[in-house]
Amino acid sequence: MRLTLTAAAVVGGTLLLSSCAPSAPALPAPIQKQVTYAFAHWNSYNTKEYGNLNPVGGDCANFASQTLIARGWTMNDQWYNHDAGGDWSAAWGYVPAMDNYFRADAKRLGLTEYPLNKRAKIAVGDLVMFDWNDNDSLDHVAVVSKVETIDGHITIKMAGHNKDTKYRDLDTVMKKEYPDGVGHFWHIALPPTASPTPKSG
């Protein structure tokens, strides 16, 4: 009798079975493009196209905006970065102005705001806004880079600039780094082209 082993190997007389755990579902193409861009540039700034805004207060919003371009958004007269950071709008590169821009035109942009305790509503590619001191002035924005459930708890990882990171943990940020901080999510609907950024005129 011949025994056929599928997805297995015999090493030193021991049968080793390969993992049959299902892989995570593929991301929708726009989100995959956004995440691919974020992973390529979280620690390798794309200064040739977008400059580096750290010298003028921080690059986190500049980076988040870049990932939205990769996702399929288009610039307009309110949200733009021209001349490699030589000419940029507040909505593009300044977190409070970005948040105001999102809120003022959320429906057309395909955005829904959620508090930080609504993690089940959040997907990879969404944005997280932070007010580190709870003083009604936002300080930081990051891109959701991973969402997973571990022992019934939804964990959120984030990519971003300033504290350049690929998988910064939301729980660590809020419980250890900034325990007095507050924030919210912006969930981005699919497809992105269904709610493009508004054109002037």
Protein backbone atom coordinates (compact mmCIF):
# COMPACT_ATOMS: atom_id res chain seq x y z
CA MET A 1 0.00 0.00 0.00
CA ARG A 2 1.33 3.44 -0.91
CA LEU A 3 0.66 6.40 1.37
CA THR A 4 0.35 9.76 -0.34
CA LEU A 5 1.05 12.81 1.81
CA THR A 6 -0.50 16.09 0.72
CA ALA A 7 0.84 19.39 2.10
CA ALA A 8 3.16 17.42 4.37
CA ALA A 9 6.79 16.51 4.76
CA VAL A 10 8.76 13.87 6.62
CA VAL A 11 11.81 15.22 8.42
CA GLY A 12 13.93 12.92 10.55
CA GLY A 13 11.13 10.38 10.69
CA THR A 14 8.62 12.99 11.92
CA LEU A 15 5.56 13.90 9.91
CA LEU A 16 5.18 17.68 9.61
CA LEU A 17 1.85 18.99 8.38
CA SER A 18 1.73 22.38 6.76
CA SER A 19 -0.65 24.97 8.14
CA CYS A 20 -4.10 24.86 6.62
CA ALA A 21 -5.23 28.13 8.21
CA PRO A 22 -7.04 30.31 5.70
CA SER A 23 -5.17 33.37 4.53
CA ALA A 24 -6.61 36.83 4.99
CA PRO A 25 -8.90 37.91 2.15
CA ALA A 26 -7.31 40.08 -0.49
CA LEU A 27 -7.81 43.80 -0.09
CA PRO A 28 -9.87 45.66 -2.70
CA ALA A 29 -7.55 47.05 -5.38
CA PRO A 30 -7.80 50.74 -4.33
CA ILE A 31 -6.98 49.91 -0.71
CA GLN A 32 -4.16 47.60 -1.77
CA LYS A 33 -2.62 50.44 -3.78
CA GLN A 34 -2.97 52.75 -0.79
CA VAL A 35 -1.36 50.28 1.60
CA THR A 36 1.40 49.38 -0.85
CA TYR A 37 2.25 53.08 -1.08
CA ALA A 38 2.14 53.51 2.70
CA PHE A 39 4.46 50.54 3.23
CA ALA A 40 6.86 51.83 0.58
CA HIS A 41 7.09 55.33 2.10
CA TRP A 42 6.49 55.15 5.85
CA ASN A 43 10.25 55.37 6.39
CA SER A 44 11.33 56.41 2.88
CA TYR A 45 9.78 59.79 2.27
CA ASN A 46 8.61 60.53 -1.27
CA THR A 47 10.17 63.97 -1.23
CA LYS A 48 10.60 64.13 -5.00
CA GLU A 49 6.82 64.34 -5.46
CA TYR A 50 5.51 65.69 -2.15
CA GLY A 51 8.39 67.15 -0.17
CA ASN A 52 8.79 66.83 3.59
CA LEU A 53 6.63 69.02 5.83
CA ASN A 54 8.36 68.11 9.10
CA PRO A 55 10.26 71.42 9.12
CA VAL A 56 6.96 73.31 9.13
CA GLY A 57 5.19 71.35 11.85
CA GLY A 58 4.94 67.70 10.80
CA ASP A 59 4.57 65.38 7.82
CA CYS A 60 1.77 63.11 9.08
CA ALA A 61 -1.05 64.79 7.12
CA ASN A 62 1.16 65.07 4.03
CA PHE A 63 1.79 61.33 4.22
CA ALA A 64 -1.88 60.45 4.81
CA SER A 65 -2.89 62.60 1.84
CA GLN A 66 -0.32 60.86 -0.36
CA THR A 67 -1.84 57.49 0.46
CA LEU A 68 -5.26 58.80 -0.55
CA ILE A 69 -3.84 59.81 -3.92
CA ALA A 70 -2.51 56.26 -4.28
CA ARG A 71 -5.99 55.01 -3.39
CA GLY A 72 -7.55 56.96 -6.25
CA TRP A 73 -8.40 60.40 -4.88
CA THR A 74 -7.56 63.47 -6.98
CA MET A 75 -6.32 66.89 -5.96
CA ASN A 76 -8.54 69.97 -6.21
CA ASP A 77 -8.35 73.64 -5.28
CA GLN A 78 -8.93 72.86 -1.59
CA TRP A 79 -6.75 69.75 -1.19
CA TYR A 80 -3.43 69.75 -3.03
CA ASN A 81 0.35 69.54 -2.90
CA HIS A 82 2.23 71.02 -5.85
CA ASP A 83 5.91 71.53 -6.61
CA ALA A 84 7.14 68.81 -4.24
CA GLY A 85 5.78 70.52 -1.16
CA GLY A 86 6.50 74.01 -2.43
CA ASP A 87 2.78 74.82 -2.65
CA TRP A 88 0.29 72.91 -0.51
CA SER A 89 -3.11 73.54 1.01
CA ALA A 90 -3.89 73.43 4.72
CA ALA A 91 -6.42 70.65 4.09
CA TRP A 92 -3.60 68.56 2.61
CA GLY A 93 -0.86 69.07 5.17
CA TYR A 94 -2.33 70.42 8.43
CA VAL A 95 -4.34 67.98 10.55
CA PRO A 96 -7.04 70.34 11.94
CA ALA A 97 -7.69 71.76 8.46
CA MET A 98 -7.76 68.25 6.95
CA ASP A 99 -10.34 67.18 9.52
CA ASN A 100 -12.46 70.28 8.82
CA TYR A 101 -12.26 69.59 5.09
CA PHE A 102 -13.39 66.01 5.60
CA ARG A 103 -16.26 67.03 7.88
CA ALA A 104 -17.49 69.81 5.59
CA ASP A 105 -17.76 67.50 2.58
CA ALA A 106 -17.94 64.04 4.14
CA LYS A 107 -20.80 62.74 2.01
CA ARG A 108 -19.21 63.64 -1.31
CA LEU A 109 -15.85 62.34 -0.15
CA GLY A 110 -17.40 59.04 0.94
CA LEU A 111 -16.36 59.50 4.57
CA THR A 112 -18.03 58.45 7.80
CA GLU A 113 -16.73 59.55 11.19
CA TYR A 114 -16.62 57.01 14.03
CA PRO A 115 -15.42 57.28 17.63
CA LEU A 116 -12.42 55.21 18.66
CA ASN A 117 -14.65 52.63 20.38
CA LYS A 118 -16.33 51.67 17.07
CA ARG A 119 -13.48 49.54 15.79
CA ALA A 120 -15.79 47.03 14.13
CA LYS A 121 -16.63 49.73 11.57
CA ILE A 122 -13.00 50.31 10.61
CA ALA A 123 -11.03 48.88 7.69
CA VAL A 124 -7.49 48.99 6.43
CA GLY A 125 -6.93 52.30 4.64
CA ASP A 126 -9.12 54.34 6.97
CA LEU A 127 -7.66 57.30 8.86
CA VAL A 128 -7.26 57.96 12.58
CA MET A 129 -7.19 61.52 13.93
CA PHE A 130 -5.66 62.31 17.34
CA ASP A 131 -5.83 65.16 19.83
CA TRP A 132 -3.02 64.28 22.21
CA ASN A 133 -4.03 66.76 24.96
CA ASP A 134 -7.82 66.78 24.55
CA ASN A 135 -7.70 70.53 23.94
CA ASP A 136 -9.93 70.62 20.84
CA SER A 137 -6.95 70.93 18.51
CA LEU A 138 -5.98 67.84 16.51
CA ASP A 139 -2.29 66.91 16.51
CA HIS A 140 -1.83 63.81 14.38
CA VAL A 141 -3.29 61.59 11.66
CA ALA A 142 -2.32 58.03 10.73
CA VAL A 143 -3.42 55.41 8.20
CA VAL A 144 -4.89 52.12 9.38
CA SER A 145 -2.47 49.44 8.17
CA LYS A 146 -3.89 46.34 9.85
CA VAL A 147 -7.14 45.30 11.53
CA GLU A 148 -7.34 41.96 13.28
CA THR A 149 -9.33 40.32 16.05
CA ILE A 150 -7.36 38.59 18.80
CA ASP A 151 -9.28 36.82 21.58
CA GLY A 152 -12.36 38.84 20.74
CA HIS A 153 -10.53 42.18 20.81
CA ILE A 154 -10.13 44.20 17.61
CA THR A 155 -6.61 45.55 17.30
CA ILE A 156 -5.76 48.49 15.06
CA LYS A 157 -2.28 49.08 13.65
CA MET A 158 -1.30 52.30 11.89
CA ALA A 159 1.28 53.59 9.43
CA GLY A 160 2.38 57.17 9.65
CA HIS A 161 5.03 59.87 9.67
CA ASN A 162 6.57 61.98 12.43
CA LYS A 163 6.95 58.88 14.56
CA ASP A 164 7.64 56.96 11.37
CA THR A 165 5.99 53.59 11.70
CA LYS A 166 4.41 50.79 9.73
CA TYR A 167 2.37 49.08 12.46
CA ARG A 168 1.91 51.48 15.38
CA ASP A 169 -0.57 50.01 17.86
CA LEU A 170 -3.64 52.10 18.70
CA ASP A 171 -4.03 50.61 22.20
CA THR A 172 -0.42 51.42 23.05
CA VAL A 173 -0.85 54.97 21.78
CA MET A 174 -4.00 55.68 23.76
CA LYS A 175 -3.24 53.77 26.96
CA LYS A 176 0.51 54.29 27.37
CA GLU A 177 1.82 57.07 25.14
CA TYR A 178 -1.08 59.55 25.36
CA PRO A 179 -3.50 58.43 28.10
CA ASP A 180 -5.18 61.86 28.11
CA GLY A 181 -5.62 61.86 24.36
CA VAL A 182 -8.80 61.54 22.32
CA GLY A 183 -9.50 60.90 18.68
CA HIS A 184 -11.75 59.53 15.99
CA PHE A 185 -11.73 57.48 12.80
CA TRP A 186 -12.62 58.45 9.26
CA HIS A 187 -13.94 55.40 7.41
CA ILE A 188 -13.55 55.68 3.63
CA ALA A 189 -16.21 54.14 1.41
CA LEU A 190 -15.50 52.05 -1.66
CA PRO A 191 -15.11 52.55 -4.52
CA PRO A 192 -13.16 55.79 -4.07
CA THR A 193 -14.16 57.06 -7.49
CA ALA A 194 -17.83 57.00 -6.45
CA SER A 195 -17.20 59.99 -4.16
CA PRO A 196 -14.25 61.83 -5.68
CA THR A 197 -12.79 64.89 -4.08
CA PRO A 198 -14.73 67.90 -5.34
CA LYS A 199 -13.56 69.83 -8.36
CA SER A 200 -13.46 73.60 -8.35
CA GLY A 201 -16.00 75.42 -10.48
